[in-house]
N, C-alpha and C. Protein backbone atom coordinates (compact mmCIF):
# COMPACT_ATOMS: atom_id res chain seq x y z
N MET A 1 61.93 39.01 72.80
CA MET A 1 62.93 37.97 72.70
C MET A 1 62.21 36.62 72.57
N HIS A 2 62.68 35.82 71.66
CA HIS A 2 62.05 34.53 71.40
C HIS A 2 62.46 33.50 72.45
N THR A 3 61.68 32.44 72.54
CA THR A 3 61.95 31.38 73.51
C THR A 3 63.28 30.71 73.22
N LEU A 4 63.60 30.49 71.95
CA LEU A 4 64.87 29.87 71.59
C LEU A 4 66.04 30.74 72.04
N ASP A 5 65.92 32.05 71.84
CA ASP A 5 66.97 32.97 72.28
C ASP A 5 67.17 32.89 73.79
N LYS A 6 66.08 32.84 74.53
CA LYS A 6 66.17 32.76 75.99
C LYS A 6 66.82 31.45 76.41
N PHE A 7 66.48 30.36 75.72
CA PHE A 7 67.07 29.06 76.03
C PHE A 7 68.58 29.07 75.79
N ILE A 8 68.99 29.63 74.65
CA ILE A 8 70.42 29.70 74.33
C ILE A 8 71.16 30.58 75.32
N ILE A 9 70.57 31.71 75.69
CA ILE A 9 71.19 32.58 76.68
C ILE A 9 71.34 31.85 78.01
N GLY A 10 70.36 31.06 78.38
CA GLY A 10 70.45 30.27 79.60
C GLY A 10 71.58 29.27 79.57
N ILE A 11 71.74 28.57 78.43
CA ILE A 11 72.83 27.60 78.29
C ILE A 11 74.18 28.30 78.33
N LEU A 12 74.31 29.41 77.59
CA LEU A 12 75.58 30.15 77.60
C LEU A 12 75.89 30.69 78.98
N SER A 13 74.90 31.19 79.67
CA SER A 13 75.13 31.72 81.03
C SER A 13 75.58 30.62 81.97
N THR A 14 74.98 29.45 81.85
CA THR A 14 75.41 28.32 82.68
C THR A 14 76.86 27.94 82.38
N GLY A 15 77.22 27.93 81.11
CA GLY A 15 78.60 27.64 80.73
C GLY A 15 79.58 28.67 81.28
N TYR A 16 79.18 29.93 81.23
CA TYR A 16 80.04 30.99 81.78
C TYR A 16 80.20 30.85 83.29
N MET A 17 79.13 30.47 83.97
CA MET A 17 79.22 30.30 85.43
C MET A 17 80.15 29.14 85.78
N VAL A 18 80.04 28.03 85.04
CA VAL A 18 80.93 26.88 85.29
C VAL A 18 82.38 27.28 85.01
N ALA A 19 82.62 27.98 83.91
CA ALA A 19 83.98 28.41 83.58
C ALA A 19 84.52 29.36 84.65
N SER A 20 83.67 30.26 85.16
CA SER A 20 84.16 31.19 86.19
C SER A 20 84.49 30.46 87.49
N VAL A 21 83.71 29.43 87.84
CA VAL A 21 84.02 28.64 89.04
C VAL A 21 85.37 27.94 88.87
N PHE A 22 85.60 27.36 87.67
CA PHE A 22 86.89 26.72 87.43
C PHE A 22 88.03 27.72 87.51
N LEU A 23 87.85 28.92 86.96
CA LEU A 23 88.91 29.94 87.02
C LEU A 23 89.21 30.35 88.46
N VAL A 24 88.18 30.49 89.26
CA VAL A 24 88.39 30.85 90.66
C VAL A 24 89.11 29.73 91.39
N MET A 25 88.72 28.48 91.13
CA MET A 25 89.37 27.34 91.79
C MET A 25 90.83 27.21 91.35
N ILE A 26 91.10 27.45 90.07
CA ILE A 26 92.49 27.40 89.58
C ILE A 26 93.31 28.50 90.23
N SER A 27 92.74 29.68 90.39
CA SER A 27 93.47 30.78 91.02
C SER A 27 93.75 30.49 92.49
N LEU A 28 92.95 29.61 93.11
CA LEU A 28 93.18 29.23 94.51
C LEU A 28 94.13 28.04 94.64
N GLY A 29 94.65 27.53 93.51
CA GLY A 29 95.65 26.48 93.58
C GLY A 29 95.19 25.10 93.15
N TRP A 30 94.00 24.94 92.70
CA TRP A 30 93.51 23.64 92.26
C TRP A 30 93.96 23.43 90.82
N THR A 31 94.93 22.57 90.59
CA THR A 31 95.56 22.42 89.27
C THR A 31 95.01 21.25 88.46
N SER A 32 94.12 20.47 89.01
CA SER A 32 93.57 19.33 88.27
C SER A 32 92.91 19.74 86.96
N PRO A 33 92.13 20.82 86.92
CA PRO A 33 91.54 21.20 85.63
C PRO A 33 92.59 21.56 84.58
N LEU A 34 93.68 22.18 85.01
CA LEU A 34 94.73 22.53 84.05
C LEU A 34 95.38 21.28 83.48
N THR A 35 95.62 20.30 84.31
CA THR A 35 96.23 19.05 83.84
C THR A 35 95.28 18.33 82.90
N TYR A 36 94.00 18.29 83.25
CA TYR A 36 93.01 17.65 82.39
C TYR A 36 92.92 18.35 81.04
N ALA A 37 92.89 19.67 81.03
CA ALA A 37 92.81 20.44 79.78
C ALA A 37 94.06 20.22 78.93
N GLU A 38 95.21 20.16 79.56
CA GLU A 38 96.46 19.94 78.82
C GLU A 38 96.44 18.56 78.17
N ASN A 39 96.03 17.53 78.88
CA ASN A 39 95.95 16.18 78.31
C ASN A 39 94.89 16.11 77.21
N TYR A 40 93.80 16.80 77.38
CA TYR A 40 92.72 16.81 76.41
C TYR A 40 93.18 17.43 75.10
N LEU A 41 93.99 18.47 75.18
CA LEU A 41 94.44 19.16 73.97
C LEU A 41 95.56 18.44 73.23
N LEU A 42 96.14 17.42 73.80
CA LEU A 42 97.20 16.67 73.14
C LEU A 42 96.68 15.82 71.98
N TYR A 43 95.43 15.42 72.04
CA TYR A 43 94.86 14.57 70.99
C TYR A 43 94.22 15.43 69.91
N THR A 44 94.49 15.09 68.64
CA THR A 44 94.01 15.88 67.51
C THR A 44 92.48 15.89 67.43
N THR A 45 91.85 14.76 67.67
CA THR A 45 90.38 14.73 67.59
C THR A 45 89.76 15.62 68.64
N SER A 46 90.37 15.70 69.80
CA SER A 46 89.86 16.56 70.85
C SER A 46 89.99 18.03 70.47
N ARG A 47 91.10 18.38 69.81
CA ARG A 47 91.29 19.76 69.40
C ARG A 47 90.27 20.16 68.35
N TRP A 48 89.95 19.25 67.40
CA TRP A 48 88.94 19.55 66.39
C TRP A 48 87.57 19.74 67.04
N LEU A 49 87.26 18.90 68.01
CA LEU A 49 85.98 19.01 68.70
C LEU A 49 85.91 20.33 69.48
N LEU A 50 87.02 20.68 70.13
CA LEU A 50 87.08 21.93 70.88
C LEU A 50 86.98 23.13 69.95
N GLY A 51 87.66 23.06 68.81
CA GLY A 51 87.59 24.15 67.83
C GLY A 51 86.19 24.31 67.26
N LEU A 52 85.54 23.18 66.94
CA LEU A 52 84.18 23.22 66.41
C LEU A 52 83.21 23.79 67.45
N THR A 53 83.38 23.40 68.70
CA THR A 53 82.54 23.93 69.77
C THR A 53 82.74 25.44 69.91
N GLY A 54 83.99 25.88 69.83
CA GLY A 54 84.30 27.30 69.91
C GLY A 54 83.65 28.10 68.80
N VAL A 55 83.69 27.56 67.57
CA VAL A 55 83.08 28.24 66.43
C VAL A 55 81.57 28.33 66.60
N VAL A 56 80.95 27.24 67.03
CA VAL A 56 79.49 27.24 67.23
C VAL A 56 79.09 28.24 68.31
N VAL A 57 79.80 28.24 69.43
CA VAL A 57 79.49 29.18 70.52
C VAL A 57 79.69 30.61 70.05
N PHE A 58 80.74 30.87 69.26
CA PHE A 58 80.98 32.21 68.75
C PHE A 58 79.86 32.65 67.83
N ILE A 59 79.42 31.78 66.92
CA ILE A 59 78.36 32.14 65.98
C ILE A 59 77.05 32.41 66.72
N VAL A 60 76.72 31.55 67.69
CA VAL A 60 75.49 31.74 68.46
C VAL A 60 75.56 33.04 69.26
N SER A 61 76.71 33.29 69.88
CA SER A 61 76.87 34.52 70.66
C SER A 61 76.78 35.76 69.77
N LEU A 62 77.40 35.70 68.60
CA LEU A 62 77.34 36.82 67.66
C LEU A 62 75.91 37.06 67.18
N THR A 63 75.18 35.99 66.91
CA THR A 63 73.78 36.12 66.48
C THR A 63 72.94 36.77 67.57
N LEU A 64 73.11 36.33 68.81
CA LEU A 64 72.36 36.93 69.92
C LEU A 64 72.76 38.39 70.13
N PHE A 65 74.04 38.68 69.99
CA PHE A 65 74.53 40.05 70.17
C PHE A 65 73.93 40.97 69.11
N LEU A 66 73.97 40.55 67.86
CA LEU A 66 73.41 41.38 66.79
C LEU A 66 71.89 41.46 66.90
N GLY A 67 71.26 40.40 67.37
CA GLY A 67 69.81 40.40 67.57
C GLY A 67 69.37 41.38 68.64
N SER A 68 70.25 41.69 69.57
CA SER A 68 69.88 42.63 70.63
C SER A 68 69.73 44.05 70.10
N PHE A 69 70.26 44.33 68.93
CA PHE A 69 70.15 45.66 68.34
C PHE A 69 68.95 45.79 67.41
N ARG A 70 68.27 44.68 67.13
CA ARG A 70 67.09 44.72 66.27
C ARG A 70 65.96 45.41 66.99
N THR A 71 65.20 46.17 66.25
CA THR A 71 64.00 46.79 66.82
C THR A 71 62.78 46.11 66.20
N LYS A 72 61.76 46.01 67.00
CA LYS A 72 60.53 45.41 66.54
C LYS A 72 59.80 46.40 65.64
N PRO A 73 59.35 45.95 64.49
CA PRO A 73 58.61 46.89 63.64
C PRO A 73 57.27 47.23 64.28
N VAL A 74 56.90 48.50 64.18
CA VAL A 74 55.64 48.97 64.74
C VAL A 74 54.56 48.75 63.69
N LYS A 75 53.48 48.09 64.11
CA LYS A 75 52.40 47.81 63.18
C LYS A 75 51.58 49.07 62.94
N VAL A 76 51.28 49.28 61.68
CA VAL A 76 50.45 50.42 61.28
C VAL A 76 49.11 49.86 60.86
N THR A 77 48.04 50.46 61.36
CA THR A 77 46.73 49.92 61.05
C THR A 77 45.88 50.82 60.16
N ALA A 78 45.80 52.06 60.47
CA ALA A 78 44.89 52.93 59.72
C ALA A 78 45.68 53.80 58.74
N ILE A 79 45.25 53.74 57.52
CA ILE A 79 45.88 54.57 56.50
C ILE A 79 44.77 55.37 55.84
N HIS A 80 44.89 56.68 55.94
CA HIS A 80 43.93 57.58 55.31
C HIS A 80 44.66 58.32 54.21
N GLU A 81 44.00 58.45 53.09
CA GLU A 81 44.57 59.17 51.95
C GLU A 81 43.96 60.57 51.91
N THR A 82 44.82 61.57 51.82
CA THR A 82 44.36 62.93 51.61
C THR A 82 45.02 63.46 50.34
N SER A 83 44.67 64.65 49.97
CA SER A 83 45.26 65.23 48.77
C SER A 83 46.75 65.52 48.97
N LEU A 84 47.19 65.62 50.24
CA LEU A 84 48.59 65.92 50.52
C LEU A 84 49.43 64.68 50.80
N GLY A 85 48.80 63.51 50.98
CA GLY A 85 49.55 62.29 51.23
C GLY A 85 48.83 61.34 52.17
N GLN A 86 49.56 60.33 52.63
CA GLN A 86 49.00 59.31 53.51
C GLN A 86 49.11 59.70 54.97
N ILE A 87 48.15 59.23 55.75
CA ILE A 87 48.19 59.39 57.21
C ILE A 87 48.13 57.99 57.80
N LYS A 88 49.15 57.59 58.54
CA LYS A 88 49.22 56.26 59.13
C LYS A 88 49.12 56.39 60.65
N ILE A 89 48.42 55.45 61.27
CA ILE A 89 48.28 55.44 62.72
C ILE A 89 48.79 54.10 63.22
N THR A 90 49.69 54.11 64.18
CA THR A 90 50.26 52.88 64.72
C THR A 90 49.34 52.28 65.78
N LEU A 91 49.52 50.99 66.01
CA LEU A 91 48.73 50.32 67.05
C LEU A 91 48.97 50.89 68.44
N PRO A 92 50.23 51.21 68.83
CA PRO A 92 50.41 51.81 70.15
C PRO A 92 49.66 53.14 70.30
N ALA A 93 49.58 53.92 69.24
CA ALA A 93 48.83 55.18 69.32
C ALA A 93 47.34 54.90 69.52
N LEU A 94 46.83 53.89 68.82
CA LEU A 94 45.43 53.53 68.98
C LEU A 94 45.16 52.96 70.37
N GLU A 95 46.12 52.22 70.91
CA GLU A 95 45.97 51.69 72.27
C GLU A 95 45.81 52.82 73.28
N HIS A 96 46.58 53.88 73.11
CA HIS A 96 46.46 55.04 74.01
C HIS A 96 45.08 55.68 73.90
N LEU A 97 44.57 55.76 72.68
CA LEU A 97 43.22 56.32 72.51
C LEU A 97 42.17 55.45 73.19
N VAL A 98 42.32 54.13 73.06
CA VAL A 98 41.37 53.21 73.69
C VAL A 98 41.41 53.36 75.21
N VAL A 99 42.61 53.42 75.77
CA VAL A 99 42.74 53.57 77.22
C VAL A 99 42.12 54.88 77.69
N LYS A 100 42.36 55.95 76.95
CA LYS A 100 41.80 57.25 77.32
C LYS A 100 40.27 57.21 77.32
N ALA A 101 39.71 56.61 76.29
CA ALA A 101 38.25 56.53 76.20
C ALA A 101 37.67 55.65 77.32
N ALA A 102 38.29 54.53 77.58
CA ALA A 102 37.77 53.61 78.59
C ALA A 102 37.90 54.18 80.00
N ARG A 103 38.98 54.88 80.26
CA ARG A 103 39.18 55.45 81.60
C ARG A 103 38.30 56.66 81.87
N SER A 104 37.68 57.19 80.83
CA SER A 104 36.80 58.33 81.04
C SER A 104 35.49 57.92 81.72
N ILE A 105 35.25 56.64 81.79
CA ILE A 105 34.02 56.12 82.39
C ILE A 105 34.24 55.92 83.89
N GLN A 106 33.32 56.45 84.68
CA GLN A 106 33.42 56.33 86.14
C GLN A 106 33.26 54.86 86.54
N GLY A 107 34.16 54.40 87.43
CA GLY A 107 34.10 53.04 87.93
C GLY A 107 35.14 52.14 87.31
N ILE A 108 35.86 52.63 86.31
CA ILE A 108 36.93 51.85 85.68
C ILE A 108 38.24 52.25 86.31
N ARG A 109 38.97 51.26 86.80
CA ARG A 109 40.22 51.55 87.48
C ARG A 109 41.42 51.38 86.55
N ASP A 110 41.50 50.26 85.84
CA ASP A 110 42.66 50.00 85.00
C ASP A 110 42.19 49.34 83.71
N VAL A 111 42.89 49.63 82.60
CA VAL A 111 42.52 49.11 81.29
C VAL A 111 43.78 48.63 80.59
N LYS A 112 43.72 47.41 80.05
CA LYS A 112 44.82 46.88 79.24
C LYS A 112 44.24 46.44 77.90
N PRO A 113 44.55 47.18 76.82
CA PRO A 113 43.96 46.85 75.53
C PRO A 113 44.81 45.87 74.73
N LEU A 114 44.13 45.10 73.90
CA LEU A 114 44.77 44.23 72.91
C LEU A 114 44.03 44.48 71.60
N LEU A 115 44.73 45.03 70.63
CA LEU A 115 44.11 45.39 69.35
C LEU A 115 44.56 44.43 68.26
N LYS A 116 43.61 44.06 67.41
CA LYS A 116 43.91 43.21 66.26
C LYS A 116 43.35 43.90 65.02
N THR A 117 44.20 44.01 64.02
CA THR A 117 43.75 44.65 62.79
C THR A 117 43.00 43.63 61.93
N MET A 118 41.97 44.11 61.30
CA MET A 118 41.19 43.30 60.37
C MET A 118 41.22 44.02 59.02
N ALA A 119 40.75 43.36 58.01
CA ALA A 119 40.80 43.94 56.67
C ALA A 119 40.07 45.27 56.58
N ASP A 120 38.95 45.38 57.26
CA ASP A 120 38.15 46.59 57.14
C ASP A 120 37.88 47.26 58.48
N GLY A 121 38.77 47.12 59.41
CA GLY A 121 38.57 47.77 60.70
C GLY A 121 39.46 47.19 61.78
N LEU A 122 38.91 47.19 62.99
CA LEU A 122 39.70 46.84 64.16
C LEU A 122 38.88 45.97 65.11
N SER A 123 39.56 45.06 65.78
CA SER A 123 38.95 44.25 66.84
C SER A 123 39.67 44.60 68.13
N VAL A 124 38.92 44.86 69.18
CA VAL A 124 39.50 45.32 70.44
C VAL A 124 39.12 44.35 71.55
N GLN A 125 40.11 43.99 72.36
CA GLN A 125 39.84 43.24 73.58
C GLN A 125 40.40 44.05 74.74
N LEU A 126 39.58 44.26 75.75
CA LEU A 126 39.98 45.05 76.91
C LEU A 126 39.96 44.18 78.16
N LYS A 127 41.04 44.23 78.91
CA LYS A 127 41.07 43.61 80.23
C LYS A 127 41.00 44.77 81.21
N VAL A 128 39.95 44.76 82.02
CA VAL A 128 39.70 45.92 82.88
C VAL A 128 39.58 45.50 84.34
N GLN A 129 39.86 46.48 85.18
CA GLN A 129 39.60 46.36 86.61
C GLN A 129 38.54 47.40 86.93
N VAL A 130 37.54 46.97 87.67
CA VAL A 130 36.46 47.88 87.99
C VAL A 130 36.34 48.04 89.50
N LEU A 131 35.68 49.12 89.88
CA LEU A 131 35.40 49.35 91.30
C LEU A 131 34.17 48.55 91.70
N PRO A 132 34.05 48.20 92.97
CA PRO A 132 32.89 47.42 93.41
C PRO A 132 31.62 48.28 93.41
N ASP A 133 30.51 47.60 93.56
CA ASP A 133 29.20 48.26 93.69
C ASP A 133 28.78 49.02 92.43
N ILE A 134 29.20 48.52 91.28
CA ILE A 134 28.71 49.10 90.03
C ILE A 134 28.10 47.97 89.21
N GLY A 135 27.20 48.32 88.34
CA GLY A 135 26.60 47.31 87.46
C GLY A 135 27.56 46.98 86.33
N ILE A 136 28.17 45.82 86.41
CA ILE A 136 29.18 45.45 85.41
C ILE A 136 28.59 45.38 84.01
N PRO A 137 27.42 44.77 83.79
CA PRO A 137 26.88 44.76 82.41
C PRO A 137 26.65 46.17 81.86
N ASN A 138 26.15 47.08 82.71
CA ASN A 138 25.88 48.45 82.24
C ASN A 138 27.17 49.19 81.92
N ILE A 139 28.14 49.07 82.82
CA ILE A 139 29.38 49.83 82.62
C ILE A 139 30.19 49.29 81.44
N THR A 140 30.15 47.97 81.22
CA THR A 140 30.89 47.42 80.08
C THR A 140 30.23 47.77 78.76
N GLU A 141 28.90 47.81 78.74
CA GLU A 141 28.19 48.23 77.53
C GLU A 141 28.48 49.70 77.22
N GLU A 142 28.50 50.51 78.25
CA GLU A 142 28.83 51.93 78.08
C GLU A 142 30.27 52.08 77.57
N MET A 143 31.16 51.24 78.10
CA MET A 143 32.57 51.31 77.66
C MET A 143 32.68 50.91 76.19
N GLN A 144 31.96 49.89 75.77
CA GLN A 144 32.00 49.47 74.37
C GLN A 144 31.55 50.61 73.45
N LYS A 145 30.46 51.25 73.79
CA LYS A 145 29.94 52.36 72.97
C LYS A 145 30.92 53.53 72.96
N THR A 146 31.45 53.87 74.14
CA THR A 146 32.35 55.01 74.25
C THR A 146 33.62 54.80 73.44
N VAL A 147 34.23 53.61 73.56
CA VAL A 147 35.47 53.32 72.84
C VAL A 147 35.22 53.32 71.34
N LYS A 148 34.14 52.70 70.91
CA LYS A 148 33.83 52.64 69.47
C LYS A 148 33.63 54.04 68.90
N GLU A 149 32.84 54.85 69.57
CA GLU A 149 32.58 56.22 69.09
C GLU A 149 33.84 57.08 69.13
N TYR A 150 34.65 56.92 70.18
CA TYR A 150 35.86 57.73 70.32
C TYR A 150 36.87 57.40 69.22
N LEU A 151 37.04 56.12 68.91
CA LEU A 151 37.98 55.74 67.85
C LEU A 151 37.48 56.21 66.49
N LEU A 152 36.19 56.15 66.27
CA LEU A 152 35.64 56.62 65.00
C LEU A 152 35.80 58.13 64.87
N LYS A 153 35.56 58.85 65.98
CA LYS A 153 35.65 60.31 65.96
C LYS A 153 37.10 60.79 65.84
N THR A 154 38.01 60.21 66.62
CA THR A 154 39.38 60.73 66.65
C THR A 154 40.29 60.17 65.57
N ALA A 155 40.14 58.87 65.25
CA ALA A 155 41.06 58.25 64.29
C ALA A 155 40.39 57.84 62.99
N GLY A 156 39.06 57.91 62.95
CA GLY A 156 38.35 57.51 61.74
C GLY A 156 38.39 56.01 61.49
N ILE A 157 38.49 55.22 62.55
CA ILE A 157 38.60 53.77 62.42
C ILE A 157 37.30 53.11 62.84
N THR A 158 36.87 52.17 62.03
CA THR A 158 35.68 51.39 62.35
C THR A 158 36.08 50.23 63.26
N VAL A 159 35.38 50.11 64.37
CA VAL A 159 35.63 49.01 65.30
C VAL A 159 34.51 47.99 65.11
N HIS A 160 34.89 46.75 64.78
CA HIS A 160 33.90 45.72 64.53
C HIS A 160 33.42 45.03 65.80
N GLU A 161 34.34 44.82 66.73
CA GLU A 161 33.93 44.18 67.98
C GLU A 161 34.81 44.66 69.12
N ILE A 162 34.21 44.72 70.28
CA ILE A 162 34.94 45.07 71.50
C ILE A 162 34.57 44.04 72.55
N LYS A 163 35.54 43.21 72.88
CA LYS A 163 35.35 42.21 73.93
C LYS A 163 35.95 42.75 75.22
N ILE A 164 35.22 42.59 76.29
CA ILE A 164 35.69 43.10 77.58
C ILE A 164 35.76 41.96 78.56
N VAL A 165 36.91 41.84 79.22
CA VAL A 165 37.11 40.85 80.27
C VAL A 165 37.34 41.63 81.56
N VAL A 166 36.47 41.45 82.53
CA VAL A 166 36.66 42.07 83.84
C VAL A 166 37.50 41.08 84.64
N ASN A 167 38.78 41.41 84.81
CA ASN A 167 39.67 40.46 85.48
C ASN A 167 39.90 40.76 86.95
N LYS A 168 39.36 41.88 87.43
CA LYS A 168 39.54 42.18 88.84
C LYS A 168 38.53 43.23 89.28
N ILE A 169 38.01 43.02 90.46
CA ILE A 169 37.18 44.05 91.09
C ILE A 169 37.97 44.52 92.29
N THR A 170 38.30 45.79 92.29
CA THR A 170 39.22 46.30 93.30
C THR A 170 38.58 47.41 94.12
N TRP A 171 38.99 47.50 95.36
CA TRP A 171 38.47 48.53 96.25
C TRP A 171 39.36 49.76 96.28
N GLU A 172 40.55 49.62 95.73
CA GLU A 172 41.48 50.76 95.72
C GLU A 172 41.03 51.75 94.67
N THR A 173 41.14 53.00 95.00
CA THR A 173 40.80 54.02 94.00
C THR A 173 42.09 54.62 93.48
N LYS A 174 42.08 54.91 92.22
CA LYS A 174 43.23 55.51 91.57
C LYS A 174 42.93 56.98 91.36
N SER A 175 43.83 57.84 91.80
CA SER A 175 43.56 59.25 91.62
C SER A 175 43.65 59.61 90.15
N ARG A 176 42.72 60.45 89.71
CA ARG A 176 42.68 60.85 88.30
C ARG A 176 43.07 62.30 88.17
N VAL A 177 43.83 62.56 87.15
CA VAL A 177 44.17 63.95 86.84
C VAL A 177 43.65 64.19 85.43
N ASP A 178 42.63 65.02 85.32
CA ASP A 178 42.04 65.30 84.00
C ASP A 178 42.44 66.66 83.52
């Protein structure tokens, strides 16, 4: 969801909350809003302004409603040609392969990949959590080699660079099921 959509939803939600408070107060006997609305609607310019506001709110609401049914297109990165046709690999599928390869290394607790497609390959950034008492330079170099070789072996994709950010050193161990 885009920032503009969130902003519009916030404004509409605030308007709905104010309207609901007025409806509750009117149901409890507070008639001032009804008198004000009746006087406001007597003037033609006010009715045009109210009608224009209603049309704008309807169009914005309809746009947001229809936008909620849109699906994000899945990016495809690797295309291999065979005699029987094309083979396409999506970025989420490659992310799973990267996570599998990185987690196979002892001392790695959690991996969050960010993949960027390039004209002739892939760029990978990994945010990882590692266990304490391990050599971070050694384990990250091993992870770079493992991920690069695994992607080349399983998906046939050339990885140009693998950047690793160690964002946490944790003492908790995560149970592994292999």
